[in-house]
């Protein structure tokens, strides 16, 4: 059976950074479900937060992260993030990342809930793409790193309670492949496609969370889903992200009468709920984001990608306000890990959005996601080396394939209606009943879309169950029947297959 030393599932920032760290220890295979350029990292516009400017301090970055996390951050994880961040940025620059500068100095901007200008950006609004480019260039220059594309990971192979490898399904429809490894890293990104409206790419179907959960690993804080307040809301257009950096540069949120109705730089959950309340009050389908007062030349130079994309859908943000509506954007929870990416299942690691390190708590601070992917991707890669001298387990029976008999559209509508920005007991209970009643069809093999449907069903069920169990409002989780934070729930939700939800 084919094998490598280390498997990295996902080719975004976290996966690439881990692969670089692993290259000196053994053979590394990086597997991407789609092309190497289709990941959430590629769509990260606004920037990467790091305390590097003369006016900033690591301690201030830590304080802002803890405040945004609404009492649920792992303080040790946050400290690791902010202290290691500057070194990781210096490595990125060494590897050729071209951040924007003012003269010879790095240019920093500010985003919501930051107390300082600490957000670096590249090519105006293409930061994730530029970082991924530099990391791929570095990783591909290393002899031990191999890439395979259009290769979906459908299951983990487990033997004697340890991960022994994965099952791949080539998207061309070839027979499934089993690939063994000494250790496996999940760097599969987010789960935004669970929702009908999302800023995430189509590949963000929550595969990593579903893989780990089915294999027996613990999932943490999965009820905390961040909705980005400002996604382009034009009929027939994708819900394209209009970066928080727009508001950082002075954009106003206004209603149809041109009236401002909220603090544009408040935490994202606060702004999203304010927009939703204004939409419900007015009956309008959306509100507007207005940056015209900064001038057309500034807008075109500072946000070239956003400007051009909006033009493609008939909106010139240099001349008119953009219609916006909140959309699912980022998962604070995921596969539970320690500070080195270890999950509760031996030989399985996770990094990036798929992981729950506790860095983000109940609500991610803007532009901390790329930094987390870098810092914890590197740490997971370093920790995986511990398995180099230990042979992988042999054997292992691939799990049975069970596909839910439901359409993706109906699943995503259910998530929008019951698991969205504002939640309540009855819709959550109804969602759990509906999801649990969906019949499963056994199959010897399946198409990629069916495997993705299985992931979406599993993740939606986990979100619904944990959202119902958390009887309070905190960060990205808001219950209108429990509208206040409850100190009794200042704990992390944890769930694993066959076990009840616990708070610890």
Protein backbone atom coordinates (compact mmCIF):
# COMPACT_ATOMS: atom_id res chain seq x y z
CA UNK A 1 0.00 0.00 0.00
CA UNK A 2 1.43 3.46 -0.85
CA UNK A 3 2.71 5.51 2.06
CA UNK A 4 4.52 8.70 2.94
CA UNK A 5 5.95 9.93 6.22
CA UNK A 6 3.51 12.82 6.62
CA UNK A 7 0.20 13.69 5.03
CA UNK A 8 -1.05 17.30 4.89
CA UNK A 9 -4.69 17.57 3.85
CA UNK A 10 -5.21 21.07 2.48
CA UNK A 11 -2.99 23.51 0.59
CA UNK A 12 -3.89 26.83 2.22
CA UNK A 13 -1.63 28.83 4.53
CA UNK A 14 -1.76 26.36 7.44
CA UNK A 15 -1.02 23.33 5.29
CA UNK A 16 1.78 24.96 3.34
CA UNK A 17 3.44 26.30 6.48
CA UNK A 18 3.30 22.84 8.09
CA UNK A 19 4.74 21.21 4.97
CA UNK A 20 7.72 23.58 5.06
CA UNK A 21 8.31 22.65 8.70
CA UNK A 22 8.07 18.91 7.94
CA UNK A 23 10.22 18.84 4.80
CA UNK A 24 13.46 18.29 6.69
CA UNK A 25 12.08 15.27 8.53
CA UNK A 26 10.69 13.03 5.79
CA UNK A 27 8.47 12.68 2.72
CA UNK A 28 5.51 15.02 2.80
CA UNK A 29 2.42 14.81 0.60
CA UNK A 30 0.16 17.87 0.41
CA UNK A 31 -3.26 16.90 -0.96
CA UNK A 32 -5.75 19.50 -2.21
CA UNK A 33 -9.42 18.75 -2.91
CA UNK A 34 -9.40 21.27 -5.74
CA UNK A 35 -6.57 23.24 -7.36
CA UNK A 36 -3.73 24.63 -5.29
CA UNK A 37 -5.28 28.07 -5.67
CA UNK A 38 -8.76 27.29 -4.32
CA UNK A 39 -8.75 27.73 -0.55
CA UNK A 40 -10.07 30.18 2.00
CA UNK A 41 -6.55 31.62 2.24
CA UNK A 42 -6.81 32.83 -1.35
CA UNK A 43 -9.92 34.84 -0.47
CA UNK A 44 -8.51 36.50 2.66
CA UNK A 45 -8.50 40.15 1.60
CA UNK A 46 -8.06 42.47 4.53
CA UNK A 47 -4.75 41.43 6.01
CA UNK A 48 -2.84 39.74 8.75
CA UNK A 49 -2.69 41.17 12.27
CA UNK A 50 0.68 41.36 14.00
CA UNK A 51 2.27 43.65 16.59
CA UNK A 52 5.19 44.95 14.54
CA UNK A 53 4.60 48.69 14.21
CA UNK A 54 6.38 51.24 16.40
CA UNK A 55 3.11 52.21 18.10
CA UNK A 56 2.10 48.64 18.94
CA UNK A 57 2.93 46.01 21.55
CA UNK A 58 2.44 42.24 21.76
CA UNK A 59 0.53 42.77 25.01
CA UNK A 60 -1.97 45.08 23.32
CA UNK A 61 -2.57 42.56 20.54
CA UNK A 62 -3.17 39.96 23.25
CA UNK A 63 -5.64 42.21 25.09
CA UNK A 64 -7.62 42.95 21.92
CA UNK A 65 -7.80 39.25 21.01
CA UNK A 66 -9.02 38.32 24.50
CA UNK A 67 -11.62 41.09 24.47
CA UNK A 68 -13.01 40.03 21.08
CA UNK A 69 -13.15 36.40 22.26
CA UNK A 70 -15.77 37.35 24.87
CA UNK A 71 -14.34 35.41 27.80
CA UNK A 72 -13.72 32.14 25.97
CA UNK A 73 -10.18 32.46 24.59
CA UNK A 74 -7.48 30.06 25.72
CA UNK A 75 -5.05 32.60 27.16
CA UNK A 76 -2.02 30.38 26.57
CA UNK A 77 -3.00 29.92 22.93
CA UNK A 78 -3.41 33.67 22.47
CA UNK A 79 -0.02 34.33 24.05
CA UNK A 80 1.61 31.83 21.67
CA UNK A 81 -0.10 33.52 18.71
CA UNK A 82 0.90 37.11 19.44
CA UNK A 83 4.46 36.28 20.56
CA UNK A 84 5.28 34.00 17.61
CA UNK A 85 3.53 36.23 15.07
CA UNK A 86 6.32 38.74 14.43
CA UNK A 87 8.85 35.95 13.76
CA UNK A 88 6.49 34.30 11.31
CA UNK A 89 6.00 37.57 9.42
CA UNK A 90 9.75 38.03 9.20
CA UNK A 91 10.03 34.55 7.69
CA UNK A 92 7.31 35.36 5.17
CA UNK A 93 9.20 38.46 4.07
CA UNK A 94 12.40 36.41 3.84
CA UNK A 95 10.55 33.91 1.62
CA UNK A 96 9.40 36.67 -0.72
CA UNK A 97 6.03 37.89 0.55
CA UNK A 98 5.48 41.42 -0.73
CA UNK A 99 3.49 43.33 1.88
CA UNK A 100 2.40 46.88 1.04
CA UNK A 101 4.73 49.62 2.23
CA UNK A 102 4.81 53.35 2.72
CA UNK A 103 8.24 54.15 1.41
CA UNK A 104 10.49 51.52 2.95
CA UNK A 105 8.28 50.93 5.99
CA UNK A 106 5.56 48.30 6.26
CA UNK A 107 2.06 49.83 5.95
CA UNK A 108 -0.39 48.99 8.73
CA UNK A 109 -4.11 49.62 8.85
CA UNK A 110 -6.76 49.14 11.53
CA UNK A 111 -9.80 46.89 11.59
CA UNK A 112 -12.70 46.36 13.96
CA UNK A 113 -11.91 45.85 17.69
CA UNK A 114 -8.17 46.55 17.24
CA UNK A 115 -6.72 49.28 19.44
CA UNK A 116 -3.79 49.94 17.10
CA UNK A 117 -2.96 49.96 13.40
CA UNK A 118 -1.53 46.44 13.17
CA UNK A 119 -3.00 44.86 10.06
CA UNK A 120 -0.52 44.23 7.25
CA UNK A 121 -1.89 43.89 3.73
CA UNK A 122 -0.58 42.96 0.30
CA UNK A 123 -1.53 44.33 -3.13
CA UNK A 124 -4.18 46.38 -1.35
CA UNK A 125 -6.71 43.63 -0.71
CA UNK A 126 -5.10 40.33 -1.79
CA UNK A 127 -3.18 39.46 1.35
CA UNK A 128 -4.09 35.78 1.62
CA UNK A 129 -3.29 35.18 -2.03
CA UNK A 130 0.14 36.80 -1.69
CA UNK A 131 1.04 34.86 1.47
CA UNK A 132 -0.09 31.57 -0.11
CA UNK A 133 1.95 32.36 -3.22
CA UNK A 134 5.14 32.88 -1.23
CA UNK A 135 4.55 29.78 0.91
CA UNK A 136 3.86 27.60 -2.12
CA UNK A 137 7.02 28.86 -3.79
CA UNK A 138 9.02 27.99 -0.68
CA UNK A 139 7.38 24.58 -0.13
CA UNK A 140 7.70 23.53 -3.78
CA UNK A 141 11.42 24.30 -3.68
CA UNK A 142 11.94 21.61 -1.02
CA UNK A 143 12.82 18.14 -2.30
CA UNK A 144 10.68 16.20 0.18
CA UNK A 145 7.39 18.02 -0.52
CA UNK A 146 5.01 16.62 -3.13
CA UNK A 147 1.66 18.09 -4.20
CA UNK A 148 -1.43 16.34 -5.54
CA UNK A 149 -4.51 18.23 -6.65
CA UNK A 150 -8.17 17.36 -7.22
CA UNK A 151 -7.86 14.65 -4.58
CA UNK A 152 -10.65 14.55 -2.00
CA UNK A 153 -10.00 12.99 1.40
CA UNK A 154 -13.12 11.01 2.25
CA UNK A 155 -12.19 9.18 5.46
CA UNK A 156 -9.44 8.62 7.99
CA UNK A 157 -8.12 5.09 8.42
CA UNK A 158 -7.96 4.20 12.14
CA UNK A 159 -6.25 1.15 13.64
CA UNK A 160 -5.90 0.41 17.36
CA UNK A 161 -7.20 3.89 18.19
CA UNK A 162 -4.57 5.64 16.05
CA UNK A 163 -4.79 7.29 12.64
CA UNK A 164 -2.96 5.12 10.12
CA UNK A 165 -3.69 7.11 6.95
CA UNK A 166 -6.52 8.38 4.79
CA UNK A 167 -8.77 7.34 1.94
CA UNK A 168 -8.51 9.51 -1.16
CA UNK A 169 -11.10 9.86 -3.89
CA UNK A 170 -9.69 11.33 -7.10
CA UNK A 171 -12.24 13.75 -8.51
CA UNK A 172 -11.79 12.22 -11.97
CA UNK A 173 -13.85 9.27 -10.71
CA UNK A 174 -11.07 6.73 -10.37
CA UNK A 175 -11.15 4.06 -7.66
CA UNK A 176 -10.56 5.20 -4.05
CA UNK A 177 -6.96 5.05 -2.79
CA UNK A 178 -5.65 4.30 0.69
CA UNK A 179 -2.55 6.29 1.64
CA UNK A 180 -0.72 5.47 4.86
CA UNK A 181 1.36 7.92 6.90
CA UNK A 182 3.10 8.24 10.24
CA UNK A 183 0.99 11.33 11.01
CA UNK A 184 -1.81 13.26 9.30
CA UNK A 185 -2.52 16.99 9.45
CA UNK A 186 -6.00 18.33 8.73
CA UNK A 187 -5.67 21.81 7.21
CA UNK A 188 -8.94 21.68 5.32
CA UNK A 189 -10.23 25.17 6.09
CA UNK A 190 -13.75 26.20 6.94
CA UNK A 191 -17.39 25.14 6.80
CA UNK A 192 -19.16 28.19 5.34
CA UNK A 193 -20.96 26.19 2.65
CA UNK A 194 -23.18 24.79 5.39
CA UNK A 195 -25.00 28.13 5.01
CA UNK A 196 -26.92 29.39 2.03
CA UNK A 197 -25.07 32.71 2.06
CA UNK A 198 -21.33 32.59 2.71
CA UNK A 199 -18.16 34.42 1.77
CA UNK A 200 -16.29 31.09 1.68
CA UNK A 201 -15.26 29.28 -1.51
CA UNK A 202 -17.21 26.23 -2.64
CA UNK A 203 -14.58 23.87 -1.20
CA UNK A 204 -15.42 24.97 2.38
CA UNK A 205 -17.73 22.07 3.20
CA UNK A 206 -16.45 21.28 6.69
CA UNK A 207 -14.70 18.10 5.53
CA UNK A 208 -11.98 18.17 8.20
CA UNK A 209 -14.41 18.47 11.11
CA UNK A 210 -16.58 15.69 9.69
CA UNK A 211 -13.55 13.42 9.04
CA UNK A 212 -12.22 13.87 12.57
CA UNK A 213 -15.63 13.47 14.22
CA UNK A 214 -16.41 10.24 12.34
CA UNK A 215 -13.00 8.86 13.35
CA UNK A 216 -13.65 9.59 17.04
CA UNK A 217 -11.76 12.84 17.63
CA UNK A 218 -13.19 15.58 19.84
CA UNK A 219 -14.77 18.70 18.33
CA UNK A 220 -14.82 21.95 20.31
CA UNK A 221 -16.87 25.18 20.25
CA UNK A 222 -18.45 24.34 16.90
CA UNK A 223 -21.52 26.48 17.68
CA UNK A 224 -19.45 29.66 17.29
CA UNK A 225 -19.77 30.72 13.66
CA UNK A 226 -18.74 34.23 12.70
CA UNK A 227 -20.86 36.07 10.18
CA UNK A 228 -19.06 38.78 8.28
CA UNK A 229 -21.21 41.92 8.36
CA UNK A 230 -20.49 43.09 4.83
CA UNK A 231 -20.86 40.68 1.95
CA UNK A 232 -21.92 42.06 -1.42
CA UNK A 233 -25.67 41.56 -1.77
CA UNK A 234 -26.58 41.70 -5.46
CA UNK A 235 -29.06 39.30 -7.02
CA UNK A 236 -27.25 36.69 -9.08
CA UNK A 237 -23.83 37.57 -7.66
CA UNK A 238 -21.81 35.46 -5.21
CA UNK A 239 -21.67 36.77 -1.65
CA UNK A 240 -18.29 38.39 -2.25
CA UNK A 241 -16.55 39.62 0.90
CA UNK A 242 -16.21 43.38 1.30
CA UNK A 243 -13.29 43.42 3.69
CA UNK A 244 -13.43 44.90 7.16
CA UNK A 245 -10.48 46.98 5.99
CA UNK A 246 -13.00 49.13 4.10
CA UNK A 247 -14.52 50.12 7.43
CA UNK A 248 -11.04 50.42 8.87
CA UNK A 249 -10.36 53.02 6.19
CA UNK A 250 -13.51 54.95 7.08
CA UNK A 251 -16.45 53.32 5.26
CA UNK A 252 -19.87 54.01 6.78
CA UNK A 253 -22.74 51.57 7.21
CA UNK A 254 -25.95 53.34 6.23
CA UNK A 255 -29.59 52.48 5.58
CA UNK A 256 -31.56 53.38 2.46
CA UNK A 257 -31.99 56.94 3.80
CA UNK A 258 -28.22 57.35 4.14
CA UNK A 259 -28.37 57.25 7.96
CA UNK A 260 -25.62 55.59 9.98
CA UNK A 261 -27.02 53.14 12.54
CA UNK A 262 -24.08 51.39 14.26
CA UNK A 263 -20.42 51.64 15.23
CA UNK A 264 -18.70 50.32 12.12
CA UNK A 265 -15.61 49.15 14.02
CA UNK A 266 -17.41 47.19 16.75
CA UNK A 267 -16.78 43.41 16.89
CA UNK A 268 -18.24 41.52 13.95
CA UNK A 269 -21.03 39.81 15.87
CA UNK A 270 -22.25 43.19 17.15
CA UNK A 271 -22.18 44.76 13.67
CA UNK A 272 -23.87 41.74 12.05
CA UNK A 273 -26.75 41.82 14.54
CA UNK A 274 -27.09 45.58 14.11
CA UNK A 275 -27.40 45.14 10.34
CA UNK A 276 -29.93 42.34 10.75
CA UNK A 277 -31.99 44.50 13.15
CA UNK A 278 -31.94 47.42 10.70
CA UNK A 279 -33.02 45.14 7.84
CA UNK A 280 -35.90 43.78 9.91
CA UNK A 281 -36.91 47.27 11.04
CA UNK A 282 -36.91 48.74 7.55
CA UNK A 283 -38.04 45.72 5.55
CA UNK A 284 -35.20 46.40 3.10
CA UNK A 285 -33.23 43.44 1.67
CA UNK A 286 -29.88 44.93 2.71
CA UNK A 287 -28.05 47.99 3.99
CA UNK A 288 -25.22 49.89 2.31
CA UNK A 289 -21.47 50.34 2.76
CA UNK A 290 -20.33 53.80 1.70
CA UNK A 291 -16.68 54.76 1.16
CA UNK A 292 -17.21 57.46 -1.46
CA UNK A 293 -16.00 60.23 0.84
CA UNK A 294 -12.45 58.79 0.65
CA UNK A 295 -12.30 59.56 -3.05
CA UNK A 296 -12.24 57.41 -6.18
CA UNK A 297 -8.46 57.35 -6.61
CA UNK A 298 -7.88 56.16 -3.03
CA UNK A 299 -10.52 53.43 -3.39
CA UNK A 300 -9.11 52.10 -6.66
CA UNK A 301 -5.54 52.03 -5.34
CA UNK A 302 -6.23 50.70 -1.84
CA UNK A 303 -8.87 48.12 -2.81
CA UNK A 304 -8.22 47.18 -6.45
CA UNK A 305 -9.56 43.62 -6.25
CA UNK A 306 -12.73 44.61 -4.39
CA UNK A 307 -13.32 47.54 -6.74
CA UNK A 308 -12.94 45.40 -9.85
CA UNK A 309 -15.07 42.55 -8.51
CA UNK A 310 -17.90 44.88 -7.54
CA UNK A 311 -17.75 46.49 -10.98
CA UNK A 312 -18.22 43.05 -12.50
CA UNK A 313 -21.57 42.86 -10.70
CA UNK A 314 -22.68 46.36 -11.56
CA UNK A 315 -21.56 48.24 -8.43
CA UNK A 316 -18.91 50.98 -8.60
CA UNK A 317 -17.90 51.49 -4.95
CA UNK A 318 -15.98 54.62 -5.98
CA UNK A 319 -19.24 56.23 -7.09
CA UNK A 320 -22.05 54.55 -5.15
CA UNK A 321 -22.70 52.73 -1.87
CA UNK A 322 -22.47 48.94 -2.07
CA UNK A 323 -25.47 46.83 -0.96
CA UNK A 324 -24.36 44.50 1.82
CA UNK A 325 -25.78 41.76 4.04
CA UNK A 326 -24.09 39.50 6.63
CA UNK A 327 -22.88 36.09 5.43
CA UNK A 328 -21.29 33.09 7.12
CA UNK A 329 -17.56 33.70 7.17
CA UNK A 330 -15.47 31.86 9.77
CA UNK A 331 -15.69 28.98 12.24
CA UNK A 332 -14.15 29.73 15.64
CA UNK A 333 -14.59 26.09 16.67
CA UNK A 334 -13.43 22.89 15.02
CA UNK A 335 -11.31 19.86 15.73
CA UNK A 336 -10.05 20.22 19.30
CA UNK A 337 -6.26 20.55 19.56
CA UNK A 338 -3.56 21.39 22.04
CA UNK A 339 -1.02 24.17 21.45
CA UNK A 340 0.93 21.96 19.03
CA UNK A 341 -1.97 20.90 16.85
CA UNK A 342 -2.45 17.47 18.45
CA UNK A 343 -6.04 16.26 18.41
CA UNK A 344 -7.50 13.75 20.86
CA UNK A 345 -6.79 10.99 18.32
CA UNK A 346 -3.11 9.88 18.22
CA UNK A 347 -1.23 10.73 14.99
CA UNK A 348 -3.95 13.18 13.92
CA UNK A 349 -3.21 16.93 13.93
CA UNK A 350 -5.18 19.98 12.84
CA UNK A 351 -4.25 23.60 12.06
CA UNK A 352 -5.92 26.67 10.61
CA UNK A 353 -9.66 27.24 10.51
CA UNK A 354 -10.49 23.54 10.85
CA UNK A 355 -8.82 23.47 14.29
CA UNK A 356 -10.06 24.71 17.64
CA UNK A 357 -6.98 25.96 19.49
CA UNK A 358 -8.99 28.36 21.64
CA UNK A 359 -7.24 31.38 20.12
CA UNK A 360 -10.47 32.94 18.86
CA UNK A 361 -12.73 32.12 21.77
CA UNK A 362 -16.33 33.02 20.99
CA UNK A 363 -15.50 35.62 18.34
CA UNK A 364 -12.39 35.96 16.17
CA UNK A 365 -10.56 39.28 16.16
CA UNK A 366 -10.31 40.58 12.60
CA UNK A 367 -7.25 39.39 10.63
CA UNK A 368 -6.08 36.94 13.30
CA UNK A 369 -6.98 33.97 11.09
CA UNK A 370 -4.01 34.13 8.70
CA UNK A 371 -1.69 34.62 11.66
CA UNK A 372 -3.16 31.60 13.42
CA UNK A 373 -2.72 29.50 10.27
CA UNK A 374 0.95 30.47 10.10
CA UNK A 375 1.83 30.10 13.77
CA UNK A 376 -0.10 26.91 14.43
CA UNK A 377 0.67 25.38 11.05
CA UNK A 378 4.36 25.72 11.94
CA UNK A 379 3.84 24.31 15.44
CA UNK A 380 1.81 21.35 14.18
CA UNK A 381 4.45 20.56 11.57
CA UNK A 382 7.18 20.63 14.20
CA UNK A 383 5.17 18.41 16.56
CA UNK A 384 4.37 15.83 13.88
CA UNK A 385 8.07 15.03 13.66
CA UNK A 386 7.73 13.05 16.90
CA UNK A 387 6.27 10.17 14.87
CA UNK A 388 9.18 9.91 12.44
CA UNK A 389 10.85 7.08 14.35
CA UNK A 390 7.57 5.23 15.00
CA UNK A 391 6.16 2.98 12.29
CA UNK A 392 2.55 3.68 11.32
CA UNK A 393 -0.10 1.16 12.45
CA UNK A 394 -0.92 -1.56 9.95
CA UNK A 395 -4.36 -2.71 8.96
CA UNK A 396 -7.40 -0.61 9.60
CA UNK A 397 -10.84 -1.08 8.10
CA UNK A 398 -12.24 1.75 5.98
CA UNK A 399 -15.56 2.91 7.48
CA UNK A 400 -18.83 2.31 5.70
CA UNK A 401 -20.00 5.08 3.39
CA UNK A 402 -23.41 6.52 4.28
CA UNK A 403 -24.80 9.36 2.19
CA UNK A 404 -27.73 11.46 3.51
CA UNK A 405 -30.77 11.39 1.25
CA UNK A 406 -31.31 15.15 1.09
CA UNK A 407 -30.48 17.99 -1.26
CA UNK A 408 -27.66 20.38 -0.45
CA UNK A 409 -29.96 23.35 -1.04
CA UNK A 410 -32.44 22.20 1.60
CA UNK A 411 -29.63 21.63 4.11
CA UNK A 412 -28.23 25.10 3.55
CA UNK A 413 -31.66 26.71 3.83
CA UNK A 414 -32.19 24.90 7.12
CA UNK A 415 -28.88 26.24 8.41
CA UNK A 416 -29.75 29.80 7.37
CA UNK A 417 -33.13 29.65 9.06
CA UNK A 418 -32.15 27.86 12.29
CA UNK A 419 -28.38 28.14 12.84
CA UNK A 420 -27.76 31.72 11.77
CA UNK A 421 -26.95 35.04 13.43
CA UNK A 422 -29.91 34.87 15.85
CA UNK A 423 -30.92 31.50 17.30
CA UNK A 424 -33.78 30.20 19.46
CA UNK A 425 -34.75 26.93 21.12
CA UNK A 426 -37.66 25.90 18.92
CA UNK A 427 -35.89 26.36 15.55
CA UNK A 428 -32.81 24.59 16.92
CA UNK A 429 -34.85 21.65 18.18
CA UNK A 430 -36.69 21.51 14.87
CA UNK A 431 -33.39 21.52 12.97
CA UNK A 432 -32.02 18.66 15.09
CA UNK A 433 -35.19 16.61 14.49
CA UNK A 434 -35.10 17.30 10.76
CA UNK A 435 -31.42 16.47 10.41
CA UNK A 436 -31.80 13.31 12.49
CA UNK A 437 -34.74 12.09 10.42
CA UNK A 438 -32.87 12.25 7.11
CA UNK A 439 -32.32 8.67 5.91
CA UNK A 440 -28.81 7.47 5.05
CA UNK A 441 -27.99 5.46 1.95
CA UNK A 442 -25.17 2.94 2.04
CA UNK A 443 -22.77 3.05 -0.89
CA UNK A 444 -19.61 1.29 -2.03
CA UNK A 445 -18.33 4.58 -3.42
CA UNK A 446 -19.71 8.04 -4.06
CA UNK A 447 -19.25 11.18 -6.12
CA UNK A 448 -17.39 14.15 -4.63
CA UNK A 449 -20.64 16.10 -4.26
CA UNK A 450 -22.09 13.22 -2.20
CA UNK A 451 -19.06 13.11 0.10
CA UNK A 452 -19.39 16.87 0.56
CA UNK A 453 -23.10 16.49 1.33
CA UNK A 454 -22.19 13.96 4.02
CA UNK A 455 -19.78 16.51 5.55
CA UNK A 456 -22.35 19.32 5.43
CA UNK A 457 -24.96 17.13 7.14
CA UNK A 458 -22.56 16.10 9.91
CA UNK A 459 -21.35 19.64 10.58
CA UNK A 460 -24.84 21.18 10.53
CA UNK A 461 -25.94 18.57 13.07
CA UNK A 462 -22.98 19.35 15.35
CA UNK A 463 -23.63 23.11 15.16
CA UNK A 464 -27.32 22.62 15.95
CA UNK A 465 -26.69 20.29 18.90
CA UNK A 466 -24.02 22.48 20.49
CA UNK A 467 -25.98 25.71 19.85
CA UNK A 468 -28.98 24.21 21.62
CA UNK A 469 -26.86 23.07 24.57
CA UNK A 470 -25.27 26.51 25.07
CA UNK A 471 -28.07 28.37 26.83
CA UNK A 472 -26.57 31.84 26.71
CA UNK A 473 -25.39 34.49 24.24
CA UNK A 474 -21.67 34.92 23.79
CA UNK A 475 -19.65 36.20 20.83
CA UNK A 476 -20.78 34.68 17.56
CA UNK A 477 -23.49 32.61 19.29
CA UNK A 478 -26.64 34.61 20.05
CA UNK A 479 -29.77 33.06 21.58
CA UNK A 480 -32.77 35.38 21.68
CA UNK A 481 -34.28 33.17 24.41
CA UNK A 482 -31.04 33.52 26.44
CA UNK A 483 -29.85 37.01 25.37
CA UNK A 484 -27.18 37.46 28.07
CA UNK A 485 -23.87 35.76 28.76
CA UNK A 486 -24.04 33.23 31.60
CA UNK A 487 -20.90 32.68 33.73
CA UNK A 488 -21.89 29.02 34.03
CA UNK A 489 -21.24 28.68 30.29
CA UNK A 490 -17.84 30.35 30.33
CA UNK A 491 -16.57 26.96 29.24
CA UNK A 492 -15.79 25.20 25.97
CA UNK A 493 -18.29 22.82 24.41
CA UNK A 494 -16.78 19.43 23.57
CA UNK A 495 -18.42 16.62 21.63
CA UNK A 496 -17.23 13.32 20.19
CA UNK A 497 -19.00 10.55 18.36
CA UNK A 498 -21.31 8.50 20.56
CA UNK A 499 -20.86 10.81 23.57
CA UNK A 500 -22.97 13.64 24.99
CA UNK A 501 -21.92 17.27 24.78
CA UNK A 502 -19.91 18.43 27.78
CA UNK A 503 -18.77 21.89 28.86
CA UNK A 504 -15.28 22.14 30.30
